[in-house]
Amino acid sequence: MAGDDLHPHVTEGIRSLHDRLDEIERLVTEGMDAAGVHAGTPGHGHDGPRRQPALPAWRRPTAGEARWQAAVCTAAAIALQVAVPGRLVLVSPSWILPVVQGALLIALVTANPHRINRASRRMRGLSLMLAALISFANAWSVARLVVVLVQGGAAGSNPTSLLITGGAIWLTNVVAFALWYWEFDRGGPVARAQAVKRYPDFQFVQMVSPEMAPPDWEPAFFDYLYLAFTNAAAFSPTDVMPLSRWAKLLMTVQSAVSIVTVALVVSRAVNILK
């Protein structure tokens, strides 16, 4: 009888001990999660406690993006202007503006060849001047091309030359607007590297779905080039959404320029081929 009375007490004691151990383990786990501490994996070395970053890379200070992406695409836009006929360029002879733009690009690369992370009013002024020169020269070429096509000038009588000229102007338009998006989103590349502004002007997919990108992802020039290309090709936003009013206005202007260029060039070329 004594053994029968003792058995329930032993069982109850073991159950109570298990409950207390589970509670202690839960409290310890919650404390470690709150502090962001994770122990090393046994057998693979232990570097001590590590604190996980609370913010994604695009919202905290980073080393800055590499210069070469913007430099290569800008050089391509400068070279594309050489393919534009002389009667469509802003300044004659046609090589003057590309030379000036190339000199500005060389100055920017020389001053900061690796990563864009140093704030300088002079360098930012030169960078904006370069983007403005490319944009203004290309806008002039678009306007002159429209006049020539509407008036039926000799420059629009050769379909091959017309398609090459239209393609060069269209691609230059893509790079020019990519430069503007890149220069002004959250204050520009230097401001983004220093996390000066909190709210972005463009919403990339990686911002709303961080699990789809590595933890060190942040927008670089190629992301803005993709934005400009898809906007020029689809005449509307695709997977990158404009958030600020200036971003929406600039994308509207780019779509309008792209529609005019493509519609006139393609329709004229088709009429000539017929």
C-alpha atoms as a PDB file:
ATOM      1  CA  MET A   1       0.000   0.000   0.000  1.00  0.00           C
ATOM      2  CA  ALA A   2       2.852   2.372   0.859  1.00  0.00           C
ATOM      3  CA  GLY A   3       4.364   1.814  -2.628  1.00  0.00           C
ATOM      4  CA  ASP A   4       1.020   2.617  -4.246  1.00  0.00           C
ATOM      5  CA  ASP A   5       0.798   5.896  -2.286  1.00  0.00           C
ATOM      6  CA  LEU A   6       4.385   6.863  -3.187  1.00  0.00           C
ATOM      7  CA  HIS A   7       4.049   6.344  -6.979  1.00  0.00           C
ATOM      8  CA  PRO A   8       1.702   9.311  -7.687  1.00  0.00           C
ATOM      9  CA  HIS A   9       3.931  11.649  -5.672  1.00  0.00           C
ATOM     10  CA  VAL A  10       7.037  10.604  -7.627  1.00  0.00           C
ATOM     11  CA  THR A  11       5.249  11.032 -10.965  1.00  0.00           C
ATOM     12  CA  GLU A  12       3.948  14.469  -9.978  1.00  0.00           C
ATOM     13  CA  GLY A  13       7.415  15.546  -8.852  1.00  0.00           C
ATOM     14  CA  ILE A  14       9.020  14.511 -12.149  1.00  0.00           C
ATOM     15  CA  ARG A  15       6.319  16.325 -14.127  1.00  0.00           C
ATOM     16  CA  SER A  16       6.806  19.478 -12.049  1.00  0.00           C
ATOM     17  CA  LEU A  17      10.580  19.319 -12.589  1.00  0.00           C
ATOM     18  CA  HIS A  18      10.109  19.024 -16.368  1.00  0.00           C
ATOM     19  CA  ASP A  19       7.778  22.042 -16.411  1.00  0.00           C
ATOM     20  CA  ARG A  20      10.305  24.158 -14.505  1.00  0.00           C
ATOM     21  CA  LEU A  21      13.156  23.153 -16.831  1.00  0.00           C
ATOM     22  CA  ASP A  22      11.032  24.022 -19.882  1.00  0.00           C
ATOM     23  CA  GLU A  23      10.229  27.434 -18.392  1.00  0.00           C
ATOM     24  CA  ILE A  24      13.915  28.142 -17.669  1.00  0.00           C
ATOM     25  CA  GLU A  25      14.873  27.161 -21.231  1.00  0.00           C
ATOM     26  CA  ARG A  26      12.160  29.436 -22.681  1.00  0.00           C
ATOM     27  CA  LEU A  27      13.326  32.422 -20.612  1.00  0.00           C
ATOM     28  CA  VAL A  28      16.962  31.905 -21.600  1.00  0.00           C
ATOM     29  CA  THR A  29      16.060  31.606 -25.314  1.00  0.00           C
ATOM     30  CA  GLU A  30      13.931  34.756 -25.260  1.00  0.00           C
ATOM     31  CA  GLY A  31      16.714  36.667 -23.531  1.00  0.00           C
ATOM     32  CA  MET A  32      19.273  35.651 -26.155  1.00  0.00           C
ATOM     33  CA  ASP A  33      16.903  36.553 -29.014  1.00  0.00           C
ATOM     34  CA  ALA A  34      16.223  39.962 -27.523  1.00  0.00           C
ATOM     35  CA  ALA A  35      19.949  40.692 -27.234  1.00  0.00           C
ATOM     36  CA  GLY A  36      20.648  39.418 -30.765  1.00  0.00           C
ATOM     37  CA  VAL A  37      23.258  36.945 -29.484  1.00  0.00           C
ATOM     38  CA  HIS A  38      23.835  33.677 -31.280  1.00  0.00           C
ATOM     39  CA  ALA A  39      26.331  31.069 -30.114  1.00  0.00           C
ATOM     40  CA  GLY A  40      28.826  29.543 -32.555  1.00  0.00           C
ATOM     41  CA  THR A  41      28.219  26.151 -34.074  1.00  0.00           C
ATOM     42  CA  PRO A  42      30.083  23.344 -32.254  1.00  0.00           C
ATOM     43  CA  GLY A  43      32.854  21.844 -34.294  1.00  0.00           C
ATOM     44  CA  HIS A  44      33.071  24.839 -36.668  1.00  0.00           C
ATOM     45  CA  GLY A  45      34.865  27.286 -34.386  1.00  0.00           C
ATOM     46  CA  HIS A  46      33.396  29.970 -32.115  1.00  0.00           C
ATOM     47  CA  ASP A  47      34.052  33.655 -32.632  1.00  0.00           C
ATOM     48  CA  GLY A  48      32.071  34.797 -29.632  1.00  0.00           C
ATOM     49  CA  PRO A  49      28.732  36.573 -29.532  1.00  0.00           C
ATOM     50  CA  ARG A  50      27.704  38.403 -32.736  1.00  0.00           C
ATOM     51  CA  ARG A  51      25.039  41.084 -33.054  1.00  0.00           C
ATOM     52  CA  GLN A  52      22.916  40.855 -36.191  1.00  0.00           C
ATOM     53  CA  PRO A  53      22.270  44.140 -38.055  1.00  0.00           C
ATOM     54  CA  ALA A  54      18.860  45.544 -37.217  1.00  0.00           C
ATOM     55  CA  LEU A  55      18.517  47.436 -40.504  1.00  0.00           C
ATOM     56  CA  PRO A  56      18.969  46.311 -44.134  1.00  0.00           C
ATOM     57  CA  ALA A  57      22.028  47.604 -45.977  1.00  0.00           C
ATOM     58  CA  TRP A  58      20.093  50.186 -47.982  1.00  0.00           C
ATOM     59  CA  ARG A  59      18.979  51.881 -44.745  1.00  0.00           C
ATOM     60  CA  ARG A  60      22.302  51.988 -42.890  1.00  0.00           C
ATOM     61  CA  PRO A  61      25.749  53.473 -43.670  1.00  0.00           C
ATOM     62  CA  THR A  62      27.798  51.312 -46.047  1.00  0.00           C
ATOM     63  CA  ALA A  63      31.070  51.459 -47.955  1.00  0.00           C
ATOM     64  CA  GLY A  64      29.353  52.955 -51.006  1.00  0.00           C
ATOM     65  CA  GLU A  65      28.856  51.523 -54.471  1.00  0.00           C
ATOM     66  CA  ALA A  66      31.577  50.953 -57.048  1.00  0.00           C
ATOM     67  CA  ARG A  67      32.285  53.723 -59.549  1.00  0.00           C
ATOM     68  CA  TRP A  68      32.772  51.514 -62.617  1.00  0.00           C
ATOM     69  CA  GLN A  69      29.085  50.803 -63.296  1.00  0.00           C
ATOM     70  CA  ALA A  70      28.145  54.459 -63.721  1.00  0.00           C
ATOM     71  CA  ALA A  71      31.419  55.235 -65.524  1.00  0.00           C
ATOM     72  CA  VAL A  72      31.016  52.503 -68.159  1.00  0.00           C
ATOM     73  CA  CYS A  73      27.380  53.366 -68.927  1.00  0.00           C
ATOM     74  CA  THR A  74      28.119  57.091 -69.087  1.00  0.00           C
ATOM     75  CA  ALA A  75      31.006  56.462 -71.484  1.00  0.00           C
ATOM     76  CA  ALA A  76      28.649  54.390 -73.661  1.00  0.00           C
ATOM     77  CA  ALA A  77      26.123  57.253 -73.735  1.00  0.00           C
ATOM     78  CA  ILE A  78      28.872  59.670 -74.780  1.00  0.00           C
ATOM     79  CA  ALA A  79      29.974  57.300 -77.556  1.00  0.00           C
ATOM     80  CA  LEU A  80      26.397  56.886 -78.792  1.00  0.00           C
ATOM     81  CA  GLN A  81      26.196  60.600 -79.529  1.00  0.00           C
ATOM     82  CA  VAL A  82      28.868  60.151 -82.192  1.00  0.00           C
ATOM     83  CA  ALA A  83      26.385  58.070 -84.232  1.00  0.00           C
ATOM     84  CA  VAL A  84      23.955  61.006 -84.448  1.00  0.00           C
ATOM     85  CA  PRO A  85      24.144  62.902 -87.776  1.00  0.00           C
ATOM     86  CA  GLY A  86      25.619  66.393 -87.712  1.00  0.00           C
ATOM     87  CA  ARG A  87      22.350  68.148 -88.569  1.00  0.00           C
ATOM     88  CA  LEU A  88      20.737  66.730 -85.418  1.00  0.00           C
ATOM     89  CA  VAL A  89      23.434  67.699 -82.897  1.00  0.00           C
ATOM     90  CA  LEU A  90      23.346  70.711 -80.607  1.00  0.00           C
ATOM     91  CA  VAL A  91      26.851  72.030 -81.372  1.00  0.00           C
ATOM     92  CA  SER A  92      28.880  71.707 -84.554  1.00  0.00           C
ATOM     93  CA  PRO A  93      31.204  70.020 -85.183  1.00  0.00           C
ATOM     94  CA  SER A  94      29.549  67.009 -83.610  1.00  0.00           C
ATOM     95  CA  TRP A  95      32.633  65.879 -81.659  1.00  0.00           C
ATOM     96  CA  ILE A  96      32.805  68.954 -79.377  1.00  0.00           C
ATOM     97  CA  LEU A  97      30.144  67.939 -76.841  1.00  0.00           C
ATOM     98  CA  PRO A  98      31.350  64.309 -76.539  1.00  0.00           C
ATOM     99  CA  VAL A  99      34.867  65.599 -75.875  1.00  0.00           C
ATOM    100  CA  VAL A 100      33.632  67.954 -73.134  1.00  0.00           C
ATOM    101  CA  GLN A 101      31.524  65.194 -71.595  1.00  0.00           C
ATOM    102  CA  GLY A 102      34.457  62.771 -71.749  1.00  0.00           C
ATOM    103  CA  ALA A 103      36.672  65.294 -69.948  1.00  0.00           C
ATOM    104  CA  LEU A 104      34.102  65.657 -67.149  1.00  0.00           C
ATOM    105  CA  LEU A 105      33.834  61.878 -66.838  1.00  0.00           C
ATOM    106  CA  ILE A 106      37.627  61.515 -66.615  1.00  0.00           C
ATOM    107  CA  ALA A 107      37.733  64.187 -63.898  1.00  0.00           C
ATOM    108  CA  LEU A 108      35.078  62.386 -61.858  1.00  0.00           C
ATOM    109  CA  VAL A 109      36.748  58.987 -62.191  1.00  0.00           C
ATOM    110  CA  THR A 110      40.158  60.428 -61.325  1.00  0.00           C
ATOM    111  CA  ALA A 111      38.860  62.204 -58.220  1.00  0.00           C
ATOM    112  CA  ASN A 112      37.035  59.131 -56.898  1.00  0.00           C
ATOM    113  CA  PRO A 113      38.008  56.030 -58.894  1.00  0.00           C
ATOM    114  CA  HIS A 114      36.843  53.193 -56.650  1.00  0.00           C
ATOM    115  CA  ARG A 115      33.842  53.756 -54.392  1.00  0.00           C
ATOM    116  CA  ILE A 116      31.472  56.714 -54.326  1.00  0.00           C
ATOM    117  CA  ASN A 117      31.370  57.508 -50.623  1.00  0.00           C
ATOM    118  CA  ARG A 118      32.992  60.932 -50.155  1.00  0.00           C
ATOM    119  CA  ALA A 119      30.799  64.022 -49.996  1.00  0.00           C
ATOM    120  CA  SER A 120      32.060  66.846 -52.212  1.00  0.00           C
ATOM    121  CA  ARG A 121      30.001  69.735 -53.578  1.00  0.00           C
ATOM    122  CA  ARG A 122      32.439  70.207 -56.444  1.00  0.00           C
ATOM    123  CA  MET A 123      32.283  66.561 -57.515  1.00  0.00           C
ATOM    124  CA  ARG A 124      28.507  66.464 -57.217  1.00  0.00           C
ATOM    125  CA  GLY A 125      28.277  69.646 -59.268  1.00  0.00           C
ATOM    126  CA  LEU A 126      30.436  68.123 -62.001  1.00  0.00           C
ATOM    127  CA  SER A 127      28.394  64.934 -61.945  1.00  0.00           C
ATOM    128  CA  LEU A 128      25.122  66.840 -62.323  1.00  0.00           C
ATOM    129  CA  MET A 129      26.650  68.991 -65.069  1.00  0.00           C
ATOM    130  CA  LEU A 130      27.655  65.868 -66.989  1.00  0.00           C
ATOM    131  CA  ALA A 131      24.139  64.393 -66.696  1.00  0.00           C
ATOM    132  CA  ALA A 132      22.649  67.730 -67.796  1.00  0.00           C
ATOM    133  CA  LEU A 133      24.908  67.976 -70.851  1.00  0.00           C
ATOM    134  CA  ILE A 134      24.030  64.450 -71.976  1.00  0.00           C
ATOM    135  CA  SER A 135      20.314  65.046 -71.397  1.00  0.00           C
ATOM    136  CA  PHE A 136      20.186  68.454 -73.085  1.00  0.00           C
ATOM    137  CA  ALA A 137      22.158  67.298 -76.117  1.00  0.00           C
ATOM    138  CA  ASN A 138      19.941  64.246 -76.499  1.00  0.00           C
ATOM    139  CA  ALA A 139      16.743  66.283 -76.064  1.00  0.00           C
ATOM    140  CA  TRP A 140      17.930  68.606 -78.823  1.00  0.00           C
ATOM    141  CA  SER A 141      18.581  65.618 -81.091  1.00  0.00           C
ATOM    142  CA  VAL A 142      15.083  64.260 -80.364  1.00  0.00           C
ATOM    143  CA  ALA A 143      13.498  67.610 -81.217  1.00  0.00           C
ATOM    144  CA  ARG A 144      15.505  67.964 -84.438  1.00  0.00           C
ATOM    145  CA  LEU A 145      14.683  64.372 -85.438  1.00  0.00           C
ATOM    146  CA  VAL A 146      10.967  65.042 -84.949  1.00  0.00           C
ATOM    147  CA  VAL A 147      11.180  68.136 -87.153  1.00  0.00           C
ATOM    148  CA  VAL A 148      13.065  66.259 -89.869  1.00  0.00           C
ATOM    149  CA  LEU A 149      10.636  63.330 -89.867  1.00  0.00           C
ATOM    150  CA  VAL A 150       7.552  65.544 -89.894  1.00  0.00           C
ATOM    151  CA  GLN A 151       8.925  67.678 -92.723  1.00  0.00           C
ATOM    152  CA  GLY A 152      10.128  64.634 -94.637  1.00  0.00           C
ATOM    153  CA  GLY A 153      13.745  65.765 -94.896  1.00  0.00           C
ATOM    154  CA  ALA A 154      16.551  63.827 -96.535  1.00  0.00           C
ATOM    155  CA  ALA A 155      17.820  62.628 -93.150  1.00  0.00           C
ATOM    156  CA  GLY A 156      14.696  60.494 -92.822  1.00  0.00           C
ATOM    157  CA  SER A 157      14.795  58.898 -96.258  1.00  0.00           C
ATOM    158  CA  ASN A 158      17.253  56.074 -95.505  1.00  0.00           C
ATOM    159  CA  PRO A 159      15.644  53.423 -93.264  1.00  0.00           C
ATOM    160  CA  THR A 160      18.966  51.953 -92.075  1.00  0.00           C
ATOM    161  CA  SER A 161      20.401  55.331 -91.110  1.00  0.00           C
ATOM    162  CA  LEU A 162      17.099  56.328 -89.544  1.00  0.00           C
ATOM    163  CA  LEU A 163      16.909  53.220 -87.365  1.00  0.00           C
ATOM    164  CA  ILE A 164      20.546  53.602 -86.251  1.00  0.00           C
ATOM    165  CA  THR A 165      20.009  57.255 -85.385  1.00  0.00           C
ATOM    166  CA  GLY A 166      16.742  56.557 -83.576  1.00  0.00           C
ATOM    167  CA  GLY A 167      18.284  53.655 -81.674  1.00  0.00           C
ATOM    168  CA  ALA A 168      21.266  55.740 -80.575  1.00  0.00           C
ATOM    169  CA  ILE A 169      19.011  58.555 -79.372  1.00  0.00           C
ATOM    170  CA  TRP A 170      16.704  56.109 -77.565  1.00  0.00           C
ATOM    171  CA  LEU A 171      19.572  54.356 -75.767  1.00  0.00           C
ATOM    172  CA  THR A 172      21.161  57.676 -74.825  1.00  0.00           C
ATOM    173  CA  ASN A 173      17.799  58.699 -73.395  1.00  0.00           C
ATOM    174  CA  VAL A 174      17.798  55.554 -71.240  1.00  0.00           C
ATOM    175  CA  VAL A 175      21.267  56.238 -69.806  1.00  0.00           C
ATOM    176  CA  ALA A 176      20.529  59.937 -69.280  1.00  0.00           C
ATOM    177  CA  PHE A 177      17.424  59.244 -67.199  1.00  0.00           C
ATOM    178  CA  ALA A 178      19.221  56.445 -65.340  1.00  0.00           C
ATOM    179  CA  LEU A 179      21.775  59.061 -64.305  1.00  0.00           C
ATOM    180  CA  TRP A 180      19.032  61.366 -63.008  1.00  0.00           C
ATOM    181  CA  TYR A 181      17.338  58.579 -61.064  1.00  0.00           C
ATOM    182  CA  TRP A 182      20.702  57.526 -59.642  1.00  0.00           C
ATOM    183  CA  GLU A 183      21.719  61.088 -58.764  1.00  0.00           C
ATOM    184  CA  PHE A 184      18.536  62.064 -56.931  1.00  0.00           C
ATOM    185  CA  ASP A 185      17.187  58.924 -55.247  1.00  0.00           C
ATOM    186  CA  ARG A 186      17.601  59.566 -51.503  1.00  0.00           C
ATOM    187  CA  GLY A 187      20.016  62.418 -52.257  1.00  0.00           C
ATOM    188  CA  GLY A 188      22.414  60.580 -54.572  1.00  0.00           C
ATOM    189  CA  PRO A 189      25.006  57.802 -54.236  1.00  0.00           C
ATOM    190  CA  VAL A 190      27.026  59.473 -51.468  1.00  0.00           C
ATOM    191  CA  ALA A 191      23.943  60.308 -49.393  1.00  0.00           C
ATOM    192  CA  ARG A 192      22.711  56.726 -49.818  1.00  0.00           C
ATOM    193  CA  ALA A 193      26.070  55.338 -48.681  1.00  0.00           C
ATOM    194  CA  GLN A 194      25.930  57.552 -45.587  1.00  0.00           C
ATOM    195  CA  ALA A 195      22.211  56.816 -44.977  1.00  0.00           C
ATOM    196  CA  VAL A 196      21.437  60.533 -44.797  1.00  0.00           C
ATOM    197  CA  LYS A 197      17.803  60.227 -45.875  1.00  0.00           C
ATOM    198  CA  ARG A 198      15.442  57.637 -44.471  1.00  0.00           C
ATOM    199  CA  TYR A 199      12.719  57.428 -47.104  1.00  0.00           C
ATOM    200  CA  PRO A 200      13.504  56.224 -50.643  1.00  0.00           C
ATOM    201  CA  ASP A 201      12.173  57.814 -53.831  1.00  0.00           C
ATOM    202  CA  PHE A 202      12.000  54.448 -55.602  1.00  0.00           C
ATOM    203  CA  GLN A 203      10.756  51.174 -54.152  1.00  0.00           C
ATOM    204  CA  PHE A 204      12.734  48.180 -55.381  1.00  0.00           C
ATOM    205  CA  VAL A 205      11.513  44.628 -54.879  1.00  0.00           C
ATOM    206  CA  GLN A 206      14.362  43.866 -52.456  1.00  0.00           C
ATOM    207  CA  MET A 207      13.096  46.603 -50.136  1.00  0.00           C
ATOM    208  CA  VAL A 208       9.701  45.008 -49.583  1.00  0.00           C
ATOM    209  CA  SER A 209      10.911  41.386 -49.820  1.00  0.00           C
ATOM    210  CA  PRO A 210      14.302  41.362 -48.048  1.00  0.00           C
ATOM    211  CA  GLU A 211      14.250  37.570 -47.826  1.00  0.00           C
ATOM    212  CA  MET A 212      14.704  37.500 -51.625  1.00  0.00           C
ATOM    213  CA  ALA A 213      18.074  39.314 -51.501  1.00  0.00           C
ATOM    214  CA  PRO A 214      21.359  39.016 -49.573  1.00  0.00           C
ATOM    215  CA  PRO A 215      21.557  41.107 -46.386  1.00  0.00           C
ATOM    216  CA  ASP A 216      24.121  43.494 -47.903  1.00  0.00           C
ATOM    217  CA  TRP A 217      21.953  44.411 -50.933  1.00  0.00           C
ATOM    218  CA  GLU A 218      21.547  48.093 -51.770  1.00  0.00           C
ATOM    219  CA  PRO A 219      20.616  49.774 -55.087  1.00  0.00           C
ATOM    220  CA  ALA A 220      23.482  50.483 -57.494  1.00  0.00           C
ATOM    221  CA  PHE A 221      23.639  52.174 -60.888  1.00  0.00           C
ATOM    222  CA  PHE A 222      22.609  49.056 -62.828  1.00  0.00           C
ATOM    223  CA  ASP A 223      19.365  48.966 -60.827  1.00  0.00           C
ATOM    224  CA  TYR A 224      18.566  52.507 -61.981  1.00  0.00           C
ATOM    225  CA  LEU A 225      19.603  51.629 -65.532  1.00  0.00           C
ATOM    226  CA  TYR A 226      17.123  48.741 -65.447  1.00  0.00           C
ATOM    227  CA  LEU A 227      14.473  51.124 -64.142  1.00  0.00           C
ATOM    228  CA  ALA A 228      15.129  53.596 -66.975  1.00  0.00           C
ATOM    229  CA  PHE A 229      15.180  50.850 -69.642  1.00  0.00           C
ATOM    230  CA  THR A 230      11.924  49.206 -68.579  1.00  0.00           C
ATOM    231  CA  ASN A 231      10.211  52.578 -68.227  1.00  0.00           C
ATOM    232  CA  ALA A 232      11.337  53.569 -71.734  1.00  0.00           C
ATOM    233  CA  ALA A 233      10.297  50.219 -73.212  1.00  0.00           C
ATOM    234  CA  ALA A 234       6.964  49.746 -71.416  1.00  0.00           C
ATOM    235  CA  PHE A 235       6.119  53.477 -71.143  1.00  0.00           C
ATOM    236  CA  SER A 236       5.147  52.831 -67.510  1.00  0.00           C
ATOM    237  CA  PRO A 237       6.605  51.492 -64.236  1.00  0.00           C
ATOM    238  CA  THR A 238       7.217  47.757 -64.056  1.00  0.00           C
ATOM    239  CA  ASP A 239       8.518  46.284 -60.790  1.00  0.00           C
ATOM    240  CA  VAL A 240      10.196  49.480 -59.493  1.00  0.00           C
ATOM    241  CA  MET A 241       7.640  51.939 -58.141  1.00  0.00           C
ATOM    242  CA  PRO A 242       8.174  55.727 -57.923  1.00  0.00           C
ATOM    243  CA  LEU A 243       7.266  57.068 -54.484  1.00  0.00           C
ATOM    244  CA  SER A 244       8.080  60.783 -54.547  1.00  0.00           C
ATOM    245  CA  ARG A 245       6.423  63.320 -56.823  1.00  0.00           C
ATOM    246  CA  TRP A 246       9.644  64.251 -58.623  1.00  0.00           C
ATOM    247  CA  ALA A 247      10.272  60.579 -59.411  1.00  0.00           C
ATOM    248  CA  LYS A 248       6.798  60.216 -60.909  1.00  0.00           C
ATOM    249  CA  LEU A 249       7.235  63.407 -62.946  1.00  0.00           C
ATOM    250  CA  LEU A 250      10.645  62.363 -64.262  1.00  0.00           C
ATOM    251  CA  MET A 251       9.389  58.918 -65.268  1.00  0.00           C
ATOM    252  CA  THR A 252       6.463  60.564 -67.059  1.00  0.00           C
ATOM    253  CA  VAL A 253       8.828  62.791 -69.043  1.00  0.00           C
ATOM    254  CA  GLN A 254      11.012  59.832 -69.988  1.00  0.00           C
ATOM    255  CA  SER A 255       8.019  57.806 -71.157  1.00  0.00           C
ATOM    256  CA  ALA A 256       6.802  60.720 -73.280  1.00  0.00           C
ATOM    257  CA  VAL A 257      10.196  61.157 -74.945  1.00  0.00           C
ATOM    258  CA  SER A 258      10.457  57.417 -75.561  1.00  0.00           C
ATOM    259  CA  ILE A 259       6.964  57.225 -77.089  1.00  0.00           C
ATOM    260  CA  VAL A 260       7.684  60.099 -79.483  1.00  0.00           C
ATOM    261  CA  THR A 261      11.044  58.665 -80.542  1.00  0.00           C
ATOM    262  CA  VAL A 262       9.853  55.102 -81.082  1.00  0.00           C
ATOM    263  CA  ALA A 263       6.554  56.004 -82.739  1.00  0.00           C
ATOM    264  CA  LEU A 264       8.008  58.456 -85.233  1.00  0.00           C
ATOM    265  CA  VAL A 265      11.138  56.501 -86.104  1.00  0.00           C
ATOM    266  CA  VAL A 266       9.389  53.147 -86.517  1.00  0.00           C
ATOM    267  CA  SER A 267       6.461  54.567 -88.485  1.00  0.00           C
ATOM    268  CA  ARG A 268       8.752  56.517 -90.797  1.00  0.00           C
ATOM    269  CA  ALA A 269      11.017  53.516 -91.353  1.00  0.00           C
ATOM    270  CA  VAL A 270       8.022  51.281 -92.138  1.00  0.00           C
ATOM    271  CA  ASN A 271       6.691  53.834 -94.659  1.00  0.00           C
ATOM    272  CA  ILE A 272      10.067  54.023 -96.381  1.00  0.00           C
ATOM    273  CA  LEU A 273      10.359  50.236 -96.570  1.00  0.00           C
ATOM    274  CA  LYS A 274       6.890  50.027 -98.129  1.00  0.00           C
END
